[in-house]
Amino acid sequence: MTRARHKTLRISSGDRAFYAFTYAFLSAVFIVVLYPLVFVVSSSFSSPEAMVTGKVVLWPVDFSLDGYKAIFGYRDVLIGYYNSLRYMVFGVIFNVSMTMMAAYALSRRETPFRNAFMFLFTFTMFFGGGLIPNYIVVMKLNMIDTLWAMIVPGAISVYNMILARTFLQNSIPHELLEAARIDRCSDVRFFFQIVLPLSKAVIAVIALYYAVGHWNAFFNAYLYLNKRYLYPLQLILREILVKNTIDPKMSINQELMVKKQGIADLLKYSLIVVASAPMMMLYPLAQKYFISGVMIGSLKG
């Protein structure tokens, strides 16, 4: 009776050098990417005087919540948060629904004129109608100052649709559809009960893309919304930033200018944290699906 011999995997000196270089390089990249984030957060919790004098390097100096008190003391901030969340939730639901339906139809081999439709979708990635025609269309559809003005104009991202289509083509075998048809399963039932449950990874990916887009939406809101109670968070934060901007042409006391500049800088960092925090908390929840969905959609097909 022979015994299996376990050979110890030996790592050559060249491999060790390569691993050491790789870890060192990735660690340096990690620090370069992480430090600005840490600096912004630390600055937002520091005093204006510490900001102006450059004392903040890594940790907060003279811990202060003045920046956040100033922001949330502005009554429209909570309204902006509510509107942004509303636009994001309804927008993601609408966008994902439209994208998955289009991706499923174009992933089916028997869809008539499939290549022609793909060409039309792809054409819009390179050529658009322009700002004025888009505004006229939204106006003629009576969507100015409505929720739909923030959702319908960007109903489908062609890039996300192509990503979902590639995923469905490589992950949902055609034989599964044929087996479902034998059991008299309709296309609608097949889509909702089989395709969607098997597409959680790519749905999480495109949902995250759409959520970030809606949360950061500024230009469409600036263009299509005139009523303040409909403003998203980005427009409200812009107003706060503009009101606290220092005009260098103003002849004011030097000490007062330094103080105002410190408050303005503190508000900038606090605004960054306030605007970025929801998306930074959302990403870890979808990270598992995000990584698997991107890899499957990009490596196959």
C-alpha atoms as a PDB file:
ATOM      1  CA  MET A   1       0.000   0.000   0.000  1.00  0.00           C
ATOM      2  CA  THR A   2       1.515   3.244  -1.135  1.00  0.00           C
ATOM      3  CA  ARG A   3       1.191   6.400   0.836  1.00  0.00           C
ATOM      4  CA  ALA A   4       0.464   9.706  -0.848  1.00  0.00           C
ATOM      5  CA  ARG A   5       3.340  12.042  -0.487  1.00  0.00           C
ATOM      6  CA  HIS A   6       2.541  15.662   0.177  1.00  0.00           C
ATOM      7  CA  LYS A   7       5.011  17.930  -1.485  1.00  0.00           C
ATOM      8  CA  THR A   8       5.628  21.243   0.182  1.00  0.00           C
ATOM      9  CA  LEU A   9       5.070  24.144  -2.148  1.00  0.00           C
ATOM     10  CA  ARG A  10       8.291  26.068  -2.365  1.00  0.00           C
ATOM     11  CA  ILE A  11       8.281  29.741  -3.200  1.00  0.00           C
ATOM     12  CA  SER A  12      11.295  30.955  -5.078  1.00  0.00           C
ATOM     13  CA  SER A  13      13.166  34.104  -4.171  1.00  0.00           C
ATOM     14  CA  GLY A  14      11.852  35.723  -7.353  1.00  0.00           C
ATOM     15  CA  ASP A  15       8.256  35.009  -6.278  1.00  0.00           C
ATOM     16  CA  ARG A  16       8.934  36.446  -2.835  1.00  0.00           C
ATOM     17  CA  ALA A  17      10.329  39.604  -4.370  1.00  0.00           C
ATOM     18  CA  PHE A  18       7.321  39.884  -6.673  1.00  0.00           C
ATOM     19  CA  TYR A  19       4.847  39.398  -3.800  1.00  0.00           C
ATOM     20  CA  ALA A  20       6.708  41.918  -1.656  1.00  0.00           C
ATOM     21  CA  PHE A  21       6.667  44.486  -4.449  1.00  0.00           C
ATOM     22  CA  THR A  22       2.955  43.837  -5.157  1.00  0.00           C
ATOM     23  CA  TYR A  23       1.951  44.198  -1.503  1.00  0.00           C
ATOM     24  CA  ALA A  24       4.056  47.333  -1.102  1.00  0.00           C
ATOM     25  CA  PHE A  25       2.630  48.901  -4.246  1.00  0.00           C
ATOM     26  CA  LEU A  26      -0.987  48.081  -3.342  1.00  0.00           C
ATOM     27  CA  SER A  27      -0.439  49.354   0.198  1.00  0.00           C
ATOM     28  CA  ALA A  28       0.897  52.634  -1.183  1.00  0.00           C
ATOM     29  CA  VAL A  29      -2.104  52.951  -3.513  1.00  0.00           C
ATOM     30  CA  PHE A  30      -4.443  52.203  -0.606  1.00  0.00           C
ATOM     31  CA  ILE A  31      -2.843  54.937   1.514  1.00  0.00           C
ATOM     32  CA  VAL A  32      -2.960  57.441  -1.356  1.00  0.00           C
ATOM     33  CA  VAL A  33      -6.664  56.738  -1.871  1.00  0.00           C
ATOM     34  CA  LEU A  34      -7.573  56.564   1.827  1.00  0.00           C
ATOM     35  CA  TYR A  35      -5.725  59.641   3.100  1.00  0.00           C
ATOM     36  CA  PRO A  36      -7.868  62.290   1.319  1.00  0.00           C
ATOM     37  CA  LEU A  37     -10.984  60.651   2.736  1.00  0.00           C
ATOM     38  CA  VAL A  38      -9.546  60.596   6.267  1.00  0.00           C
ATOM     39  CA  PHE A  39      -8.384  64.198   5.874  1.00  0.00           C
ATOM     40  CA  VAL A  40     -11.819  65.389   4.761  1.00  0.00           C
ATOM     41  CA  VAL A  41     -13.581  63.632   7.641  1.00  0.00           C
ATOM     42  CA  SER A  42     -11.034  64.894  10.183  1.00  0.00           C
ATOM     43  CA  SER A  43     -11.262  68.427   8.821  1.00  0.00           C
ATOM     44  CA  SER A  44     -15.041  68.403   9.086  1.00  0.00           C
ATOM     45  CA  PHE A  45     -14.754  67.694  12.824  1.00  0.00           C
ATOM     46  CA  SER A  46     -12.056  70.329  13.471  1.00  0.00           C
ATOM     47  CA  SER A  47     -12.383  73.991  14.388  1.00  0.00           C
ATOM     48  CA  PRO A  48     -12.225  76.720  11.707  1.00  0.00           C
ATOM     49  CA  GLU A  49      -9.035  78.096  13.245  1.00  0.00           C
ATOM     50  CA  ALA A  50      -7.312  74.730  12.953  1.00  0.00           C
ATOM     51  CA  MET A  51      -8.397  74.515   9.333  1.00  0.00           C
ATOM     52  CA  VAL A  52      -7.013  77.932   8.371  1.00  0.00           C
ATOM     53  CA  THR A  53      -3.687  77.438  10.178  1.00  0.00           C
ATOM     54  CA  GLY A  54      -3.177  74.005   8.592  1.00  0.00           C
ATOM     55  CA  LYS A  55      -2.984  72.082  11.859  1.00  0.00           C
ATOM     56  CA  VAL A  56      -5.189  69.268  10.588  1.00  0.00           C
ATOM     57  CA  VAL A  57      -3.057  66.488   9.130  1.00  0.00           C
ATOM     58  CA  LEU A  58      -4.633  63.171  10.079  1.00  0.00           C
ATOM     59  CA  TRP A  59      -6.815  63.504  13.187  1.00  0.00           C
ATOM     60  CA  PRO A  60      -9.340  66.201  14.126  1.00  0.00           C
ATOM     61  CA  VAL A  61      -7.846  69.225  15.911  1.00  0.00           C
ATOM     62  CA  ASP A  62      -9.954  71.131  18.461  1.00  0.00           C
ATOM     63  CA  PHE A  63     -12.923  68.821  17.947  1.00  0.00           C
ATOM     64  CA  SER A  64     -15.943  70.794  16.799  1.00  0.00           C
ATOM     65  CA  LEU A  65     -19.360  70.145  15.271  1.00  0.00           C
ATOM     66  CA  ASP A  66     -19.816  73.708  14.056  1.00  0.00           C
ATOM     67  CA  GLY A  67     -19.827  72.677  10.397  1.00  0.00           C
ATOM     68  CA  TYR A  68     -22.577  70.099  10.862  1.00  0.00           C
ATOM     69  CA  LYS A  69     -24.581  72.424  13.113  1.00  0.00           C
ATOM     70  CA  ALA A  70     -24.467  75.063  10.389  1.00  0.00           C
ATOM     71  CA  ILE A  71     -25.555  72.611   7.701  1.00  0.00           C
ATOM     72  CA  PHE A  72     -28.392  70.945   9.587  1.00  0.00           C
ATOM     73  CA  GLY A  73     -29.428  74.288  11.018  1.00  0.00           C
ATOM     74  CA  TYR A  74     -30.414  75.124   7.462  1.00  0.00           C
ATOM     75  CA  ARG A  75     -34.017  73.938   7.415  1.00  0.00           C
ATOM     76  CA  ASP A  76     -34.027  72.904   3.755  1.00  0.00           C
ATOM     77  CA  VAL A  77     -31.300  70.280   4.230  1.00  0.00           C
ATOM     78  CA  LEU A  78     -33.729  67.675   5.582  1.00  0.00           C
ATOM     79  CA  ILE A  79     -36.125  68.475   2.732  1.00  0.00           C
ATOM     80  CA  GLY A  80     -33.251  67.961   0.309  1.00  0.00           C
ATOM     81  CA  TYR A  81     -32.404  64.627   1.936  1.00  0.00           C
ATOM     82  CA  TYR A  82     -36.021  63.509   1.644  1.00  0.00           C
ATOM     83  CA  ASN A  83     -36.253  64.536  -2.007  1.00  0.00           C
ATOM     84  CA  SER A  84     -32.965  62.869  -2.914  1.00  0.00           C
ATOM     85  CA  LEU A  85     -34.023  59.644  -1.209  1.00  0.00           C
ATOM     86  CA  ARG A  86     -37.373  59.795  -2.969  1.00  0.00           C
ATOM     87  CA  TYR A  87     -35.818  60.373  -6.377  1.00  0.00           C
ATOM     88  CA  MET A  88     -33.280  57.624  -5.738  1.00  0.00           C
ATOM     89  CA  VAL A  89     -35.756  54.959  -4.580  1.00  0.00           C
ATOM     90  CA  PHE A  90     -38.370  55.516  -7.278  1.00  0.00           C
ATOM     91  CA  GLY A  91     -35.690  56.137  -9.877  1.00  0.00           C
ATOM     92  CA  VAL A  92     -33.806  52.920  -9.135  1.00  0.00           C
ATOM     93  CA  ILE A  93     -37.000  50.866  -9.255  1.00  0.00           C
ATOM     94  CA  PHE A  94     -37.999  52.417 -12.578  1.00  0.00           C
ATOM     95  CA  ASN A  95     -34.501  52.246 -14.075  1.00  0.00           C
ATOM     96  CA  VAL A  96     -33.821  48.649 -13.064  1.00  0.00           C
ATOM     97  CA  SER A  97     -37.234  47.527 -14.334  1.00  0.00           C
ATOM     98  CA  MET A  98     -36.746  49.169 -17.727  1.00  0.00           C
ATOM     99  CA  THR A  99     -33.146  48.001 -18.021  1.00  0.00           C
ATOM    100  CA  MET A 100     -33.842  44.364 -17.154  1.00  0.00           C
ATOM    101  CA  MET A 101     -36.826  44.145 -19.504  1.00  0.00           C
ATOM    102  CA  ALA A 102     -34.806  45.598 -22.382  1.00  0.00           C
ATOM    103  CA  ALA A 103     -31.810  43.394 -21.575  1.00  0.00           C
ATOM    104  CA  TYR A 104     -33.965  40.260 -21.426  1.00  0.00           C
ATOM    105  CA  ALA A 105     -35.661  40.987 -24.744  1.00  0.00           C
ATOM    106  CA  LEU A 106     -32.338  41.673 -26.470  1.00  0.00           C
ATOM    107  CA  SER A 107     -30.716  38.588 -24.957  1.00  0.00           C
ATOM    108  CA  ARG A 108     -33.262  36.305 -26.609  1.00  0.00           C
ATOM    109  CA  ARG A 109     -32.023  34.873 -29.919  1.00  0.00           C
ATOM    110  CA  GLU A 110     -35.484  34.795 -31.442  1.00  0.00           C
ATOM    111  CA  THR A 111     -36.220  38.498 -30.849  1.00  0.00           C
ATOM    112  CA  PRO A 112     -37.022  40.105 -34.235  1.00  0.00           C
ATOM    113  CA  PHE A 113     -34.571  42.803 -35.393  1.00  0.00           C
ATOM    114  CA  ARG A 114     -32.463  42.286 -32.292  1.00  0.00           C
ATOM    115  CA  ASN A 115     -29.279  43.575 -33.929  1.00  0.00           C
ATOM    116  CA  ALA A 116     -31.080  46.648 -35.283  1.00  0.00           C
ATOM    117  CA  PHE A 117     -32.384  47.525 -31.820  1.00  0.00           C
ATOM    118  CA  MET A 118     -28.908  47.033 -30.341  1.00  0.00           C
ATOM    119  CA  PHE A 119     -27.514  49.408 -32.950  1.00  0.00           C
ATOM    120  CA  LEU A 120     -30.108  52.050 -32.028  1.00  0.00           C
ATOM    121  CA  PHE A 121     -29.320  51.688 -28.331  1.00  0.00           C
ATOM    122  CA  THR A 122     -25.582  51.884 -28.942  1.00  0.00           C
ATOM    123  CA  PHE A 123     -26.015  54.895 -31.253  1.00  0.00           C
ATOM    124  CA  THR A 124     -27.412  56.929 -28.363  1.00  0.00           C
ATOM    125  CA  MET A 125     -24.186  56.376 -26.406  1.00  0.00           C
ATOM    126  CA  PHE A 126     -22.265  58.486 -28.919  1.00  0.00           C
ATOM    127  CA  PHE A 127     -24.852  60.896 -30.300  1.00  0.00           C
ATOM    128  CA  GLY A 128     -27.570  62.822 -28.426  1.00  0.00           C
ATOM    129  CA  GLY A 129     -30.226  65.325 -29.330  1.00  0.00           C
ATOM    130  CA  GLY A 130     -28.699  68.122 -27.268  1.00  0.00           C
ATOM    131  CA  LEU A 131     -29.755  70.138 -24.265  1.00  0.00           C
ATOM    132  CA  ILE A 132     -32.474  72.280 -25.839  1.00  0.00           C
ATOM    133  CA  PRO A 133     -34.343  69.409 -27.576  1.00  0.00           C
ATOM    134  CA  ASN A 134     -34.256  67.417 -24.336  1.00  0.00           C
ATOM    135  CA  TYR A 135     -35.670  70.332 -22.387  1.00  0.00           C
ATOM    136  CA  ILE A 136     -38.418  70.866 -24.974  1.00  0.00           C
ATOM    137  CA  VAL A 137     -39.388  67.186 -24.812  1.00  0.00           C
ATOM    138  CA  VAL A 138     -39.592  67.262 -21.008  1.00  0.00           C
ATOM    139  CA  MET A 139     -41.592  70.498 -21.139  1.00  0.00           C
ATOM    140  CA  LYS A 140     -44.028  69.188 -23.770  1.00  0.00           C
ATOM    141  CA  LEU A 141     -44.620  66.092 -21.656  1.00  0.00           C
ATOM    142  CA  ASN A 142     -45.558  68.376 -18.721  1.00  0.00           C
ATOM    143  CA  MET A 143     -42.826  66.916 -16.517  1.00  0.00           C
ATOM    144  CA  ILE A 144     -41.282  70.235 -15.407  1.00  0.00           C
ATOM    145  CA  ASP A 145     -41.376  70.494 -11.587  1.00  0.00           C
ATOM    146  CA  THR A 146     -42.441  66.871 -11.200  1.00  0.00           C
ATOM    147  CA  LEU A 147     -40.879  63.673  -9.916  1.00  0.00           C
ATOM    148  CA  TRP A 148     -40.796  62.288 -13.450  1.00  0.00           C
ATOM    149  CA  ALA A 149     -38.393  64.965 -14.639  1.00  0.00           C
ATOM    150  CA  MET A 150     -35.745  63.360 -12.417  1.00  0.00           C
ATOM    151  CA  ILE A 151     -36.487  59.795 -13.539  1.00  0.00           C
ATOM    152  CA  VAL A 152     -37.770  59.503 -17.117  1.00  0.00           C
ATOM    153  CA  PRO A 153     -35.016  61.392 -19.038  1.00  0.00           C
ATOM    154  CA  GLY A 154     -32.453  58.862 -17.799  1.00  0.00           C
ATOM    155  CA  ALA A 155     -34.723  55.834 -17.756  1.00  0.00           C
ATOM    156  CA  ILE A 156     -32.128  53.472 -19.246  1.00  0.00           C
ATOM    157  CA  SER A 157     -28.365  53.575 -19.199  1.00  0.00           C
ATOM    158  CA  VAL A 158     -27.218  51.774 -22.323  1.00  0.00           C
ATOM    159  CA  TYR A 159     -24.025  50.698 -20.601  1.00  0.00           C
ATOM    160  CA  ASN A 160     -26.021  49.070 -17.780  1.00  0.00           C
ATOM    161  CA  MET A 161     -28.360  47.471 -20.300  1.00  0.00           C
ATOM    162  CA  ILE A 162     -25.437  45.940 -22.217  1.00  0.00           C
ATOM    163  CA  LEU A 163     -23.972  44.690 -18.932  1.00  0.00           C
ATOM    164  CA  ALA A 164     -27.282  43.045 -17.980  1.00  0.00           C
ATOM    165  CA  ARG A 165     -27.768  41.631 -21.488  1.00  0.00           C
ATOM    166  CA  THR A 166     -24.318  40.041 -21.444  1.00  0.00           C
ATOM    167  CA  PHE A 167     -25.033  38.560 -18.029  1.00  0.00           C
ATOM    168  CA  LEU A 168     -28.335  37.051 -19.157  1.00  0.00           C
ATOM    169  CA  GLN A 169     -26.843  35.623 -22.342  1.00  0.00           C
ATOM    170  CA  ASN A 170     -24.103  33.809 -20.439  1.00  0.00           C
ATOM    171  CA  SER A 171     -25.928  32.887 -17.245  1.00  0.00           C
ATOM    172  CA  ILE A 172     -29.440  31.933 -18.356  1.00  0.00           C
ATOM    173  CA  PRO A 173     -29.169  28.946 -20.755  1.00  0.00           C
ATOM    174  CA  HIS A 174     -31.616  28.751 -23.640  1.00  0.00           C
ATOM    175  CA  GLU A 175     -32.417  25.175 -22.647  1.00  0.00           C
ATOM    176  CA  LEU A 176     -33.951  26.518 -19.436  1.00  0.00           C
ATOM    177  CA  LEU A 177     -36.442  28.513 -21.479  1.00  0.00           C
ATOM    178  CA  GLU A 178     -37.261  25.495 -23.630  1.00  0.00           C
ATOM    179  CA  ALA A 179     -37.858  23.366 -20.526  1.00  0.00           C
ATOM    180  CA  ALA A 180     -40.120  26.072 -19.116  1.00  0.00           C
ATOM    181  CA  ARG A 181     -42.084  26.206 -22.353  1.00  0.00           C
ATOM    182  CA  ILE A 182     -42.657  22.464 -22.186  1.00  0.00           C
ATOM    183  CA  ASP A 183     -44.254  23.053 -18.798  1.00  0.00           C
ATOM    184  CA  ARG A 184     -46.411  25.770 -20.430  1.00  0.00           C
ATOM    185  CA  CYS A 185     -44.637  28.619 -18.709  1.00  0.00           C
ATOM    186  CA  SER A 186     -45.349  31.989 -20.290  1.00  0.00           C
ATOM    187  CA  ASP A 187     -42.620  34.491 -21.119  1.00  0.00           C
ATOM    188  CA  VAL A 188     -43.841  36.854 -18.406  1.00  0.00           C
ATOM    189  CA  ARG A 189     -43.789  34.120 -15.762  1.00  0.00           C
ATOM    190  CA  PHE A 190     -40.385  32.920 -16.934  1.00  0.00           C
ATOM    191  CA  PHE A 191     -38.999  36.445 -16.650  1.00  0.00           C
ATOM    192  CA  PHE A 192     -40.348  37.168 -13.165  1.00  0.00           C
ATOM    193  CA  GLN A 193     -40.000  33.731 -11.549  1.00  0.00           C
ATOM    194  CA  ILE A 194     -36.813  32.414 -13.163  1.00  0.00           C
ATOM    195  CA  VAL A 195     -34.775  35.168 -14.812  1.00  0.00           C
ATOM    196  CA  LEU A 196     -34.993  37.813 -12.103  1.00  0.00           C
ATOM    197  CA  PRO A 197     -34.185  35.496  -9.146  1.00  0.00           C
ATOM    198  CA  LEU A 198     -31.120  34.222 -11.048  1.00  0.00           C
ATOM    199  CA  SER A 199     -29.989  37.770 -11.832  1.00  0.00           C
ATOM    200  CA  LYS A 200     -29.557  39.144  -8.313  1.00  0.00           C
ATOM    201  CA  ALA A 201     -25.860  39.857  -8.894  1.00  0.00           C
ATOM    202  CA  VAL A 202     -26.269  42.010 -11.991  1.00  0.00           C
ATOM    203  CA  ILE A 203     -29.384  43.682 -10.561  1.00  0.00           C
ATOM    204  CA  ALA A 204     -27.362  44.727  -7.499  1.00  0.00           C
ATOM    205  CA  VAL A 205     -24.652  46.142  -9.768  1.00  0.00           C
ATOM    206  CA  ILE A 206     -26.908  48.247 -11.962  1.00  0.00           C
ATOM    207  CA  ALA A 207     -29.051  49.275  -8.970  1.00  0.00           C
ATOM    208  CA  LEU A 208     -25.936  50.631  -7.267  1.00  0.00           C
ATOM    209  CA  TYR A 209     -24.917  52.481 -10.431  1.00  0.00           C
ATOM    210  CA  TYR A 210     -28.367  54.029 -10.753  1.00  0.00           C
ATOM    211  CA  ALA A 211     -28.540  54.867  -7.034  1.00  0.00           C
ATOM    212  CA  VAL A 212     -25.255  56.775  -7.145  1.00  0.00           C
ATOM    213  CA  GLY A 213     -26.394  58.592 -10.287  1.00  0.00           C
ATOM    214  CA  HIS A 214     -29.691  59.678  -8.731  1.00  0.00           C
ATOM    215  CA  TRP A 215     -28.095  60.681  -5.447  1.00  0.00           C
ATOM    216  CA  ASN A 216     -25.545  62.879  -7.215  1.00  0.00           C
ATOM    217  CA  ALA A 217     -28.069  64.258  -9.721  1.00  0.00           C
ATOM    218  CA  PHE A 218     -27.529  67.980  -9.971  1.00  0.00           C
ATOM    219  CA  PHE A 219     -27.829  69.178 -13.543  1.00  0.00           C
ATOM    220  CA  ASN A 220     -31.268  67.694 -14.270  1.00  0.00           C
ATOM    221  CA  ALA A 221     -32.599  69.141 -11.014  1.00  0.00           C
ATOM    222  CA  TYR A 222     -31.038  72.519 -11.809  1.00  0.00           C
ATOM    223  CA  LEU A 223     -32.601  72.391 -15.262  1.00  0.00           C
ATOM    224  CA  TYR A 224     -36.077  70.952 -14.689  1.00  0.00           C
ATOM    225  CA  LEU A 225     -36.988  71.962 -11.110  1.00  0.00           C
ATOM    226  CA  ASN A 226     -38.002  75.507 -10.191  1.00  0.00           C
ATOM    227  CA  LYS A 227     -39.868  74.932  -6.933  1.00  0.00           C
ATOM    228  CA  ARG A 228     -37.697  74.863  -3.821  1.00  0.00           C
ATOM    229  CA  TYR A 229     -39.660  72.131  -2.062  1.00  0.00           C
ATOM    230  CA  LEU A 230     -38.653  69.771  -4.892  1.00  0.00           C
ATOM    231  CA  TYR A 231     -34.921  70.523  -4.722  1.00  0.00           C
ATOM    232  CA  PRO A 232     -32.671  67.512  -4.070  1.00  0.00           C
ATOM    233  CA  LEU A 233     -29.860  67.616  -1.551  1.00  0.00           C
ATOM    234  CA  GLN A 234     -27.234  68.602  -4.111  1.00  0.00           C
ATOM    235  CA  LEU A 235     -28.983  71.885  -4.960  1.00  0.00           C
ATOM    236  CA  ILE A 236     -29.482  72.719  -1.293  1.00  0.00           C
ATOM    237  CA  LEU A 237     -25.826  72.083  -0.512  1.00  0.00           C
ATOM    238  CA  ARG A 238     -24.818  74.236  -3.472  1.00  0.00           C
ATOM    239  CA  GLU A 239     -26.833  77.131  -2.052  1.00  0.00           C
ATOM    240  CA  ILE A 240     -25.156  76.759   1.350  1.00  0.00           C
ATOM    241  CA  LEU A 241     -21.724  76.701  -0.275  1.00  0.00           C
ATOM    242  CA  VAL A 242     -22.430  79.743  -2.463  1.00  0.00           C
ATOM    243  CA  LYS A 243     -23.769  81.791   0.459  1.00  0.00           C
ATOM    244  CA  ASN A 244     -20.608  81.121   2.460  1.00  0.00           C
ATOM    245  CA  THR A 245     -18.145  81.866  -0.333  1.00  0.00           C
ATOM    246  CA  ILE A 246     -15.714  84.705   0.362  1.00  0.00           C
ATOM    247  CA  ASP A 247     -15.443  87.425  -2.255  1.00  0.00           C
ATOM    248  CA  PRO A 248     -11.765  88.512  -2.352  1.00  0.00           C
ATOM    249  CA  LYS A 249     -12.805  91.933  -3.699  1.00  0.00           C
ATOM    250  CA  MET A 250     -14.613  92.776  -0.483  1.00  0.00           C
ATOM    251  CA  SER A 251     -12.644  95.206   1.687  1.00  0.00           C
ATOM    252  CA  ILE A 252     -13.159  93.685   5.099  1.00  0.00           C
ATOM    253  CA  ASN A 253     -11.016  93.277   8.175  1.00  0.00           C
ATOM    254  CA  GLN A 254      -8.177  90.795   7.678  1.00  0.00           C
ATOM    255  CA  GLU A 255      -9.004  88.917  10.875  1.00  0.00           C
ATOM    256  CA  LEU A 256     -12.657  88.714   9.911  1.00  0.00           C
ATOM    257  CA  MET A 257     -11.724  87.446   6.443  1.00  0.00           C
ATOM    258  CA  VAL A 258      -9.569  84.680   7.914  1.00  0.00           C
ATOM    259  CA  LYS A 259     -12.399  83.667  10.229  1.00  0.00           C
ATOM    260  CA  LYS A 260     -14.929  83.616   7.403  1.00  0.00           C
ATOM    261  CA  GLN A 261     -12.528  81.653   5.195  1.00  0.00           C
ATOM    262  CA  GLY A 262     -12.106  79.091   7.968  1.00  0.00           C
ATOM    263  CA  ILE A 263     -15.879  78.710   8.289  1.00  0.00           C
ATOM    264  CA  ALA A 264     -16.216  78.403   4.502  1.00  0.00           C
ATOM    265  CA  ASP A 265     -13.538  75.690   4.368  1.00  0.00           C
ATOM    266  CA  LEU A 266     -15.133  73.864   7.279  1.00  0.00           C
ATOM    267  CA  LEU A 267     -18.489  73.918   5.516  1.00  0.00           C
ATOM    268  CA  LYS A 268     -16.941  72.503   2.348  1.00  0.00           C
ATOM    269  CA  TYR A 269     -15.574  69.466   4.145  1.00  0.00           C
ATOM    270  CA  SER A 270     -18.762  68.981   6.153  1.00  0.00           C
ATOM    271  CA  LEU A 271     -20.809  69.167   2.947  1.00  0.00           C
ATOM    272  CA  ILE A 272     -18.639  66.475   1.352  1.00  0.00           C
ATOM    273  CA  VAL A 273     -19.228  64.144   4.295  1.00  0.00           C
ATOM    274  CA  VAL A 274     -22.973  64.850   4.424  1.00  0.00           C
ATOM    275  CA  ALA A 275     -23.380  64.264   0.693  1.00  0.00           C
ATOM    276  CA  SER A 276     -21.183  61.154   0.530  1.00  0.00           C
ATOM    277  CA  ALA A 277     -22.166  59.304   3.711  1.00  0.00           C
ATOM    278  CA  PRO A 278     -25.357  57.598   2.402  1.00  0.00           C
ATOM    279  CA  MET A 279     -23.589  56.142  -0.650  1.00  0.00           C
ATOM    280  CA  MET A 280     -20.608  55.061   1.442  1.00  0.00           C
ATOM    281  CA  MET A 281     -22.986  53.153   3.722  1.00  0.00           C
ATOM    282  CA  LEU A 282     -24.880  51.649   0.773  1.00  0.00           C
ATOM    283  CA  TYR A 283     -21.875  50.181  -1.027  1.00  0.00           C
ATOM    284  CA  PRO A 284     -20.862  47.581   1.643  1.00  0.00           C
ATOM    285  CA  LEU A 285     -24.380  46.148   1.550  1.00  0.00           C
ATOM    286  CA  ALA A 286     -24.106  45.436  -2.185  1.00  0.00           C
ATOM    287  CA  GLN A 287     -20.384  44.675  -2.313  1.00  0.00           C
ATOM    288  CA  LYS A 288     -20.741  40.889  -2.587  1.00  0.00           C
ATOM    289  CA  TYR A 289     -23.195  41.071  -5.490  1.00  0.00           C
ATOM    290  CA  PHE A 290     -21.354  44.025  -6.988  1.00  0.00           C
ATOM    291  CA  ILE A 291     -18.048  42.152  -7.384  1.00  0.00           C
ATOM    292  CA  SER A 292     -19.585  38.940  -8.728  1.00  0.00           C
ATOM    293  CA  GLY A 293     -21.931  40.792 -11.084  1.00  0.00           C
ATOM    294  CA  VAL A 294     -19.202  42.940 -12.601  1.00  0.00           C
ATOM    295  CA  MET A 295     -16.869  39.980 -13.105  1.00  0.00           C
ATOM    296  CA  ILE A 296     -19.506  37.799 -14.750  1.00  0.00           C
ATOM    297  CA  GLY A 297     -20.729  40.595 -16.998  1.00  0.00           C
ATOM    298  CA  SER A 298     -17.248  41.618 -18.097  1.00  0.00           C
ATOM    299  CA  LEU A 299     -15.345  38.381 -18.554  1.00  0.00           C
ATOM    300  CA  LYS A 300     -17.861  36.443 -20.589  1.00  0.00           C
ATOM    301  CA  GLY A 301     -19.363  37.188 -23.961  1.00  0.00           C
END
